[in-house]
Amino acid sequence: MSAALLPELVVNGTIIPAAAISAEAQNHHAPKGKPGLAWRKAARALAVRQLLLEEAQRRGIVATCEDLGAGKSETEDEALIRALLEEALEAPEPSEEMVRAEWAKEPDRYRAPPLWEVSHILCACDPGEHEAASAARIRAELLIEALNKGARRFADLAASDSDCGSKANGGTLGQLGPGDTVPEFEAVLRQLPEGEITQEPVRTRFGWHVVRMDACAEGQVLPYEVVRPKLAEAMEKAAWTEAARAFVDELVAAAKISGPDIRAL
């Protein structure tokens, strides 16, 4: 979408050029074929930023840029917006009754992490090399076929065909928990029933895997006393986010804005 064909955004008399909106649009997702939605999201983001800076100036806020770590620090605008929101918003800590009521809605949501006992066979390849990746996938598919027919034991196939060091243990990886493997491998572990083998090879940056779920232990339900601190923190953050949204909506509603339609987002 050409910025030259789209209107400028004017916020309380301040012009935000179409080129600036176009650059910001790269940071906003929109469904395929609807670039106008990303444009409008970008226009709203820039309009909100302008309104927050105007409100900070109206209140006479002065802010010092904070260190963000890794050699980075806030810009002056970011510091002003942070200081404005700290002054303008109130997000009271939820009461004990509120936290307990939220927990009581569905206590089963709060569990310790699961544990999986897993074995695999790796057909290693560089996923970026098309021919090698295709050959590795075919090899993994043939291994799955052999396992389904019962022609070979999983441990025997792992010992003879796996490209992973776990082949020495029949492909066994031992106990794994969330975060112990790459995300695409973990996604399979979260769905694979105990005793089952993946019927399609699993692709990761290491190659193609045939995975067997040897045992699965679902995390135990955690008692309220353990859950409470993080739950209270999450509720406070949610309240702060809602207060920020309402604050921004008030600024937008009171502003004189022309150009892209940003109020319905």
C-alpha atoms as a PDB file:
ATOM      1  CA  MET A   1       0.000   0.000   0.000  1.00  0.00           C
ATOM      2  CA  SER A   2       1.511   3.318  -1.073  1.00  0.00           C
ATOM      3  CA  ALA A   3       1.750   5.988   1.616  1.00  0.00           C
ATOM      4  CA  ALA A   4       1.252   8.602  -1.089  1.00  0.00           C
ATOM      5  CA  LEU A   5      -2.324   7.372  -1.639  1.00  0.00           C
ATOM      6  CA  LEU A   6      -3.323   7.526   2.013  1.00  0.00           C
ATOM      7  CA  PRO A   7      -4.334  10.505   4.145  1.00  0.00           C
ATOM      8  CA  GLU A   8      -2.177  12.191   6.739  1.00  0.00           C
ATOM      9  CA  LEU A   9      -3.188  11.864  10.354  1.00  0.00           C
ATOM     10  CA  VAL A  10      -3.899  15.097  12.198  1.00  0.00           C
ATOM     11  CA  VAL A  11      -4.110  14.960  16.000  1.00  0.00           C
ATOM     12  CA  ASN A  12      -5.167  18.183  17.722  1.00  0.00           C
ATOM     13  CA  GLY A  13      -3.542  20.128  14.899  1.00  0.00           C
ATOM     14  CA  THR A  14      -0.309  18.103  14.827  1.00  0.00           C
ATOM     15  CA  ILE A  15       0.308  16.406  11.478  1.00  0.00           C
ATOM     16  CA  ILE A  16       1.614  12.837  11.517  1.00  0.00           C
ATOM     17  CA  PRO A  17       2.814  12.156   7.949  1.00  0.00           C
ATOM     18  CA  ALA A  18       1.636   9.131   6.002  1.00  0.00           C
ATOM     19  CA  ALA A  19       5.256   8.019   5.702  1.00  0.00           C
ATOM     20  CA  ALA A  20       5.492   7.732   9.495  1.00  0.00           C
ATOM     21  CA  ILE A  21       2.317   5.642   9.589  1.00  0.00           C
ATOM     22  CA  SER A  22       3.662   3.424   6.819  1.00  0.00           C
ATOM     23  CA  ALA A  23       6.853   2.782   8.792  1.00  0.00           C
ATOM     24  CA  GLU A  24       4.880   2.030  11.978  1.00  0.00           C
ATOM     25  CA  ALA A  25       2.548  -0.343  10.076  1.00  0.00           C
ATOM     26  CA  GLN A  26       5.411  -2.850   9.824  1.00  0.00           C
ATOM     27  CA  ASN A  27       4.925  -3.487  13.549  1.00  0.00           C
ATOM     28  CA  HIS A  28       1.216  -4.335  13.300  1.00  0.00           C
ATOM     29  CA  HIS A  29      -0.346  -7.582  12.136  1.00  0.00           C
ATOM     30  CA  ALA A  30      -3.292  -7.688   9.772  1.00  0.00           C
ATOM     31  CA  PRO A  31      -4.997 -10.573   7.931  1.00  0.00           C
ATOM     32  CA  LYS A  32      -3.641 -11.318   4.473  1.00  0.00           C
ATOM     33  CA  GLY A  33      -5.188  -9.043   1.887  1.00  0.00           C
ATOM     34  CA  LYS A  34      -6.164  -6.383   4.448  1.00  0.00           C
ATOM     35  CA  PRO A  35      -3.183  -4.005   4.623  1.00  0.00           C
ATOM     36  CA  GLY A  36      -5.581  -1.178   5.465  1.00  0.00           C
ATOM     37  CA  LEU A  37      -6.143  -2.687   8.913  1.00  0.00           C
ATOM     38  CA  ALA A  38      -2.423  -2.615   9.718  1.00  0.00           C
ATOM     39  CA  TRP A  39      -2.375   1.001   8.515  1.00  0.00           C
ATOM     40  CA  ARG A  40      -5.243   1.949  10.820  1.00  0.00           C
ATOM     41  CA  LYS A  41      -3.629   0.149  13.776  1.00  0.00           C
ATOM     42  CA  ALA A  42      -0.400   2.030  13.106  1.00  0.00           C
ATOM     43  CA  ALA A  43      -2.266   5.337  12.829  1.00  0.00           C
ATOM     44  CA  ARG A  44      -3.980   4.684  16.167  1.00  0.00           C
ATOM     45  CA  ALA A  45      -0.678   3.800  17.843  1.00  0.00           C
ATOM     46  CA  LEU A  46       0.926   7.038  16.666  1.00  0.00           C
ATOM     47  CA  ALA A  47      -2.161   9.076  17.567  1.00  0.00           C
ATOM     48  CA  VAL A  48      -2.190   7.600  21.087  1.00  0.00           C
ATOM     49  CA  ARG A  49       1.512   8.326  21.467  1.00  0.00           C
ATOM     50  CA  GLN A  50       0.934  11.938  20.440  1.00  0.00           C
ATOM     51  CA  LEU A  51      -2.006  12.320  22.828  1.00  0.00           C
ATOM     52  CA  LEU A  52      -0.043  10.852  25.742  1.00  0.00           C
ATOM     53  CA  LEU A  53       2.838  13.233  25.109  1.00  0.00           C
ATOM     54  CA  GLU A  54       0.427  16.165  24.917  1.00  0.00           C
ATOM     55  CA  GLU A  55      -1.178  15.119  28.209  1.00  0.00           C
ATOM     56  CA  ALA A  56       2.245  14.778  29.839  1.00  0.00           C
ATOM     57  CA  GLN A  57       3.100  18.300  28.686  1.00  0.00           C
ATOM     58  CA  ARG A  58      -0.263  19.641  29.897  1.00  0.00           C
ATOM     59  CA  ARG A  59       0.408  18.197  33.350  1.00  0.00           C
ATOM     60  CA  GLY A  60       3.937  19.578  33.404  1.00  0.00           C
ATOM     61  CA  ILE A  61       5.461  16.158  33.894  1.00  0.00           C
ATOM     62  CA  VAL A  62       9.246  15.907  33.998  1.00  0.00           C
ATOM     63  CA  ALA A  63      10.867  12.486  33.649  1.00  0.00           C
ATOM     64  CA  THR A  64      14.352  11.021  33.731  1.00  0.00           C
ATOM     65  CA  CYS A  65      15.205   8.309  31.224  1.00  0.00           C
ATOM     66  CA  GLU A  66      15.617   4.946  32.930  1.00  0.00           C
ATOM     67  CA  ASP A  67      18.159   2.282  32.090  1.00  0.00           C
ATOM     68  CA  LEU A  68      16.549  -0.692  30.344  1.00  0.00           C
ATOM     69  CA  GLY A  69      19.601  -2.923  30.609  1.00  0.00           C
ATOM     70  CA  ALA A  70      21.858  -4.361  27.908  1.00  0.00           C
ATOM     71  CA  GLY A  71      23.198  -0.890  27.194  1.00  0.00           C
ATOM     72  CA  LYS A  72      19.765   0.519  26.318  1.00  0.00           C
ATOM     73  CA  SER A  73      17.767   3.290  27.937  1.00  0.00           C
ATOM     74  CA  GLU A  74      14.417   4.962  27.465  1.00  0.00           C
ATOM     75  CA  THR A  75      13.969   7.765  24.977  1.00  0.00           C
ATOM     76  CA  GLU A  76      12.723  11.063  26.352  1.00  0.00           C
ATOM     77  CA  ASP A  77       9.259  10.383  24.924  1.00  0.00           C
ATOM     78  CA  GLU A  78       9.145   6.901  26.466  1.00  0.00           C
ATOM     79  CA  ALA A  79      10.152   8.304  29.840  1.00  0.00           C
ATOM     80  CA  LEU A  80       7.444  10.972  29.685  1.00  0.00           C
ATOM     81  CA  ILE A  81       4.762   8.441  28.788  1.00  0.00           C
ATOM     82  CA  ARG A  82       5.854   6.101  31.588  1.00  0.00           C
ATOM     83  CA  ALA A  83       5.814   8.942  34.119  1.00  0.00           C
ATOM     84  CA  LEU A  84       2.388  10.081  32.897  1.00  0.00           C
ATOM     85  CA  LEU A  85       0.871   6.621  33.304  1.00  0.00           C
ATOM     86  CA  GLU A  86       2.430   6.229  36.746  1.00  0.00           C
ATOM     87  CA  GLU A  87       0.787   9.490  37.811  1.00  0.00           C
ATOM     88  CA  ALA A  88      -2.556   9.047  36.069  1.00  0.00           C
ATOM     89  CA  LEU A  89      -3.367   5.399  36.679  1.00  0.00           C
ATOM     90  CA  GLU A  90      -4.379   3.598  39.826  1.00  0.00           C
ATOM     91  CA  ALA A  91      -4.278  -0.168  39.946  1.00  0.00           C
ATOM     92  CA  PRO A  92      -4.999  -1.135  43.559  1.00  0.00           C
ATOM     93  CA  GLU A  93      -3.821  -4.489  44.799  1.00  0.00           C
ATOM     94  CA  PRO A  94      -6.720  -6.958  44.660  1.00  0.00           C
ATOM     95  CA  SER A  95      -8.239  -7.892  47.991  1.00  0.00           C
ATOM     96  CA  GLU A  96      -7.866 -11.333  49.505  1.00  0.00           C
ATOM     97  CA  GLU A  97     -11.523 -11.993  48.725  1.00  0.00           C
ATOM     98  CA  MET A  98     -11.039 -11.072  45.049  1.00  0.00           C
ATOM     99  CA  VAL A  99      -7.984 -13.284  44.640  1.00  0.00           C
ATOM    100  CA  ARG A 100      -9.603 -16.255  46.327  1.00  0.00           C
ATOM    101  CA  ALA A 101     -12.770 -15.831  44.256  1.00  0.00           C
ATOM    102  CA  GLU A 102     -10.731 -15.805  41.029  1.00  0.00           C
ATOM    103  CA  TRP A 103      -8.860 -18.940  42.106  1.00  0.00           C
ATOM    104  CA  ALA A 104     -12.092 -20.681  43.098  1.00  0.00           C
ATOM    105  CA  LYS A 105     -13.567 -20.289  39.611  1.00  0.00           C
ATOM    106  CA  GLU A 106     -11.371 -23.132  38.354  1.00  0.00           C
ATOM    107  CA  PRO A 107      -8.694 -24.403  40.736  1.00  0.00           C
ATOM    108  CA  ASP A 108      -7.634 -27.061  38.199  1.00  0.00           C
ATOM    109  CA  ARG A 109      -6.090 -24.327  36.040  1.00  0.00           C
ATOM    110  CA  TYR A 110      -3.258 -23.958  38.519  1.00  0.00           C
ATOM    111  CA  ARG A 111      -1.008 -26.975  38.310  1.00  0.00           C
ATOM    112  CA  ALA A 112       2.627 -27.878  38.688  1.00  0.00           C
ATOM    113  CA  PRO A 113       4.391 -28.437  35.336  1.00  0.00           C
ATOM    114  CA  PRO A 114       3.860 -31.855  33.728  1.00  0.00           C
ATOM    115  CA  LEU A 115       6.650 -34.407  33.382  1.00  0.00           C
ATOM    116  CA  TRP A 116       7.140 -36.493  30.246  1.00  0.00           C
ATOM    117  CA  GLU A 117       9.273 -39.608  29.781  1.00  0.00           C
ATOM    118  CA  VAL A 118      10.157 -39.601  26.095  1.00  0.00           C
ATOM    119  CA  SER A 119      12.078 -41.598  23.524  1.00  0.00           C
ATOM    120  CA  HIS A 120      12.862 -40.478  19.990  1.00  0.00           C
ATOM    121  CA  ILE A 121      14.650 -41.351  16.793  1.00  0.00           C
ATOM    122  CA  LEU A 122      16.340 -38.440  15.026  1.00  0.00           C
ATOM    123  CA  CYS A 123      16.830 -38.302  11.276  1.00  0.00           C
ATOM    124  CA  ALA A 124      19.226 -35.386  11.254  1.00  0.00           C
ATOM    125  CA  CYS A 125      19.407 -32.814   8.473  1.00  0.00           C
ATOM    126  CA  ASP A 126      19.722 -29.116   7.800  1.00  0.00           C
ATOM    127  CA  PRO A 127      16.102 -27.984   7.287  1.00  0.00           C
ATOM    128  CA  GLY A 128      17.397 -25.312   4.909  1.00  0.00           C
ATOM    129  CA  GLU A 129      18.777 -27.926   2.502  1.00  0.00           C
ATOM    130  CA  HIS A 130      15.697 -29.089   0.613  1.00  0.00           C
ATOM    131  CA  GLU A 131      16.957 -32.389  -0.782  1.00  0.00           C
ATOM    132  CA  ALA A 132      18.581 -33.515   2.457  1.00  0.00           C
ATOM    133  CA  ALA A 133      15.499 -32.503   4.454  1.00  0.00           C
ATOM    134  CA  SER A 134      13.210 -34.434   2.081  1.00  0.00           C
ATOM    135  CA  ALA A 135      15.382 -37.540   2.315  1.00  0.00           C
ATOM    136  CA  ALA A 136      15.432 -37.323   6.116  1.00  0.00           C
ATOM    137  CA  ARG A 137      11.645 -37.001   6.247  1.00  0.00           C
ATOM    138  CA  ILE A 138      11.207 -40.052   4.021  1.00  0.00           C
ATOM    139  CA  ARG A 139      13.548 -42.010   6.292  1.00  0.00           C
ATOM    140  CA  ALA A 140      11.502 -40.963   9.339  1.00  0.00           C
ATOM    141  CA  GLU A 141       8.264 -41.981   7.609  1.00  0.00           C
ATOM    142  CA  LEU A 142       9.690 -45.434   6.847  1.00  0.00           C
ATOM    143  CA  LEU A 143      10.696 -45.821  10.496  1.00  0.00           C
ATOM    144  CA  ILE A 144       7.149 -44.977  11.607  1.00  0.00           C
ATOM    145  CA  GLU A 145       5.796 -47.533   9.125  1.00  0.00           C
ATOM    146  CA  ALA A 146       8.131 -50.208  10.477  1.00  0.00           C
ATOM    147  CA  LEU A 147       7.084 -49.437  14.060  1.00  0.00           C
ATOM    148  CA  ASN A 148       3.380 -49.580  13.168  1.00  0.00           C
ATOM    149  CA  LYS A 149       3.867 -52.989  11.597  1.00  0.00           C
ATOM    150  CA  GLY A 150       5.702 -54.213  14.674  1.00  0.00           C
ATOM    151  CA  ALA A 151       8.646 -55.280  12.550  1.00  0.00           C
ATOM    152  CA  ARG A 152      11.212 -53.781  14.929  1.00  0.00           C
ATOM    153  CA  ARG A 153      11.267 -52.616  18.542  1.00  0.00           C
ATOM    154  CA  PHE A 154      11.557 -48.863  19.061  1.00  0.00           C
ATOM    155  CA  ALA A 155      14.766 -49.216  21.070  1.00  0.00           C
ATOM    156  CA  ASP A 156      16.343 -51.390  18.372  1.00  0.00           C
ATOM    157  CA  LEU A 157      15.471 -48.933  15.607  1.00  0.00           C
ATOM    158  CA  ALA A 158      16.776 -46.043  17.679  1.00  0.00           C
ATOM    159  CA  ALA A 159      20.037 -47.882  18.301  1.00  0.00           C
ATOM    160  CA  SER A 160      20.554 -48.631  14.618  1.00  0.00           C
ATOM    161  CA  ASP A 161      19.015 -45.601  12.879  1.00  0.00           C
ATOM    162  CA  SER A 162      18.963 -42.544  15.176  1.00  0.00           C
ATOM    163  CA  ASP A 163      21.390 -39.684  14.632  1.00  0.00           C
ATOM    164  CA  CYS A 164      21.111 -38.611  18.275  1.00  0.00           C
ATOM    165  CA  GLY A 165      23.451 -39.633  21.079  1.00  0.00           C
ATOM    166  CA  SER A 166      20.408 -41.071  22.870  1.00  0.00           C
ATOM    167  CA  LYS A 167      20.651 -44.055  20.492  1.00  0.00           C
ATOM    168  CA  ALA A 168      22.985 -45.631  23.051  1.00  0.00           C
ATOM    169  CA  ASN A 169      19.994 -45.798  25.423  1.00  0.00           C
ATOM    170  CA  GLY A 170      17.456 -46.945  22.847  1.00  0.00           C
ATOM    171  CA  GLY A 171      16.417 -43.375  22.094  1.00  0.00           C
ATOM    172  CA  THR A 172      15.396 -42.590  25.664  1.00  0.00           C
ATOM    173  CA  LEU A 173      15.620 -38.901  26.594  1.00  0.00           C
ATOM    174  CA  GLY A 174      14.573 -39.416  30.199  1.00  0.00           C
ATOM    175  CA  GLN A 175      12.219 -37.040  31.997  1.00  0.00           C
ATOM    176  CA  LEU A 176      11.456 -33.745  30.321  1.00  0.00           C
ATOM    177  CA  GLY A 177       9.448 -30.743  31.459  1.00  0.00           C
ATOM    178  CA  PRO A 178       8.254 -27.520  29.861  1.00  0.00           C
ATOM    179  CA  GLY A 179      11.163 -25.532  28.436  1.00  0.00           C
ATOM    180  CA  ASP A 180      13.533 -28.512  28.259  1.00  0.00           C
ATOM    181  CA  THR A 181      13.175 -28.935  24.487  1.00  0.00           C
ATOM    182  CA  VAL A 182      12.685 -26.760  21.420  1.00  0.00           C
ATOM    183  CA  PRO A 183       9.114 -25.373  21.124  1.00  0.00           C
ATOM    184  CA  GLU A 184       7.982 -27.520  18.184  1.00  0.00           C
ATOM    185  CA  PHE A 185       9.093 -30.698  19.993  1.00  0.00           C
ATOM    186  CA  GLU A 186       7.387 -29.621  23.214  1.00  0.00           C
ATOM    187  CA  ALA A 187       4.156 -28.876  21.330  1.00  0.00           C
ATOM    188  CA  VAL A 188       4.027 -32.546  20.311  1.00  0.00           C
ATOM    189  CA  LEU A 189       4.693 -33.724  23.869  1.00  0.00           C
ATOM    190  CA  ARG A 190       1.723 -31.706  25.110  1.00  0.00           C
ATOM    191  CA  GLN A 191      -0.598 -33.588  22.729  1.00  0.00           C
ATOM    192  CA  LEU A 192       0.859 -37.097  22.425  1.00  0.00           C
ATOM    193  CA  PRO A 193      -0.970 -39.727  24.534  1.00  0.00           C
ATOM    194  CA  GLU A 194       1.012 -42.048  26.776  1.00  0.00           C
ATOM    195  CA  GLY A 195       2.314 -45.103  24.921  1.00  0.00           C
ATOM    196  CA  GLU A 196       1.727 -43.567  21.482  1.00  0.00           C
ATOM    197  CA  ILE A 197       4.164 -42.835  18.653  1.00  0.00           C
ATOM    198  CA  THR A 198       3.856 -39.810  16.394  1.00  0.00           C
ATOM    199  CA  GLN A 199       2.272 -40.834  13.100  1.00  0.00           C
ATOM    200  CA  GLU A 200       3.929 -37.968  11.250  1.00  0.00           C
ATOM    201  CA  PRO A 201       7.596 -36.997  11.592  1.00  0.00           C
ATOM    202  CA  VAL A 202       8.201 -33.982  13.827  1.00  0.00           C
ATOM    203  CA  ARG A 203      10.371 -31.269  12.316  1.00  0.00           C
ATOM    204  CA  THR A 204      12.787 -29.190  14.371  1.00  0.00           C
ATOM    205  CA  ARG A 205      15.995 -27.353  13.550  1.00  0.00           C
ATOM    206  CA  PHE A 206      17.822 -30.635  14.185  1.00  0.00           C
ATOM    207  CA  GLY A 207      15.915 -32.610  11.568  1.00  0.00           C
ATOM    208  CA  TRP A 208      12.946 -35.005  11.671  1.00  0.00           C
ATOM    209  CA  HIS A 209      11.969 -36.924  14.797  1.00  0.00           C
ATOM    210  CA  VAL A 210       9.924 -40.011  15.503  1.00  0.00           C
ATOM    211  CA  VAL A 211       8.672 -39.511  19.064  1.00  0.00           C
ATOM    212  CA  ARG A 212       7.237 -41.978  21.581  1.00  0.00           C
ATOM    213  CA  MET A 213       5.560 -40.917  24.809  1.00  0.00           C
ATOM    214  CA  ASP A 214       6.726 -43.512  27.339  1.00  0.00           C
ATOM    215  CA  ALA A 215       4.953 -41.986  30.354  1.00  0.00           C
ATOM    216  CA  CYS A 216       3.226 -38.749  31.230  1.00  0.00           C
ATOM    217  CA  ALA A 217       2.598 -37.305  34.677  1.00  0.00           C
ATOM    218  CA  GLU A 218       0.175 -34.400  34.733  1.00  0.00           C
ATOM    219  CA  GLY A 219       1.176 -31.706  37.173  1.00  0.00           C
ATOM    220  CA  GLN A 220      -0.603 -31.769  40.513  1.00  0.00           C
ATOM    221  CA  VAL A 221      -3.175 -29.097  41.351  1.00  0.00           C
ATOM    222  CA  LEU A 222      -1.417 -26.438  43.402  1.00  0.00           C
ATOM    223  CA  PRO A 223      -2.891 -25.250  46.723  1.00  0.00           C
ATOM    224  CA  TYR A 224      -4.223 -21.715  46.963  1.00  0.00           C
ATOM    225  CA  GLU A 225      -1.354 -20.568  49.189  1.00  0.00           C
ATOM    226  CA  VAL A 226       1.152 -21.448  46.466  1.00  0.00           C
ATOM    227  CA  VAL A 227      -0.886 -19.893  43.650  1.00  0.00           C
ATOM    228  CA  ARG A 228      -1.880 -16.693  45.433  1.00  0.00           C
ATOM    229  CA  PRO A 229       1.221 -14.468  44.880  1.00  0.00           C
ATOM    230  CA  LYS A 230       1.378 -14.935  41.115  1.00  0.00           C
ATOM    231  CA  LEU A 231      -2.393 -14.822  40.737  1.00  0.00           C
ATOM    232  CA  ALA A 232      -2.599 -11.548  42.667  1.00  0.00           C
ATOM    233  CA  GLU A 233       0.193 -10.100  40.522  1.00  0.00           C
ATOM    234  CA  ALA A 234      -1.583 -11.154  37.329  1.00  0.00           C
ATOM    235  CA  MET A 235      -4.852  -9.623  38.506  1.00  0.00           C
ATOM    236  CA  GLU A 236      -3.113  -6.348  39.376  1.00  0.00           C
ATOM    237  CA  LYS A 237      -1.469  -6.228  35.935  1.00  0.00           C
ATOM    238  CA  ALA A 238      -4.824  -6.914  34.278  1.00  0.00           C
ATOM    239  CA  ALA A 239      -6.426  -4.090  36.273  1.00  0.00           C
ATOM    240  CA  TRP A 240      -3.590  -1.731  35.281  1.00  0.00           C
ATOM    241  CA  THR A 241      -4.006  -2.673  31.600  1.00  0.00           C
ATOM    242  CA  GLU A 242      -7.743  -2.021  31.780  1.00  0.00           C
ATOM    243  CA  ALA A 243      -7.167   1.334  33.471  1.00  0.00           C
ATOM    244  CA  ALA A 244      -4.626   2.282  30.798  1.00  0.00           C
ATOM    245  CA  ARG A 245      -7.070   1.342  28.040  1.00  0.00           C
ATOM    246  CA  ALA A 246      -9.818   3.442  29.605  1.00  0.00           C
ATOM    247  CA  PHE A 247      -7.429   6.383  30.051  1.00  0.00           C
ATOM    248  CA  VAL A 248      -6.357   6.244  26.408  1.00  0.00           C
ATOM    249  CA  ASP A 249      -9.946   5.904  25.213  1.00  0.00           C
ATOM    250  CA  GLU A 250     -10.823   9.104  27.099  1.00  0.00           C
ATOM    251  CA  LEU A 251      -7.947  10.971  25.454  1.00  0.00           C
ATOM    252  CA  VAL A 252      -8.965   9.741  22.003  1.00  0.00           C
ATOM    253  CA  ALA A 253     -12.630  10.611  22.560  1.00  0.00           C
ATOM    254  CA  ALA A 254     -11.739  14.173  23.620  1.00  0.00           C
ATOM    255  CA  ALA A 255      -9.243  14.800  20.802  1.00  0.00           C
ATOM    256  CA  LYS A 256      -9.743  16.366  17.381  1.00  0.00           C
ATOM    257  CA  ILE A 257      -8.520  13.700  14.989  1.00  0.00           C
ATOM    258  CA  SER A 258      -8.793  13.592  11.211  1.00  0.00           C
ATOM    259  CA  GLY A 259      -7.440  11.185   8.621  1.00  0.00           C
ATOM    260  CA  PRO A 260      -7.604   7.383   9.027  1.00  0.00           C
ATOM    261  CA  ASP A 261     -10.533   6.100  11.096  1.00  0.00           C
ATOM    262  CA  ILE A 262      -8.908   4.956  14.341  1.00  0.00           C
ATOM    263  CA  ARG A 263     -11.764   5.232  16.832  1.00  0.00           C
ATOM    264  CA  ALA A 264     -13.396   1.894  16.007  1.00  0.00           C
ATOM    265  CA  LEU A 265     -10.248  -0.181  16.699  1.00  0.00           C
END
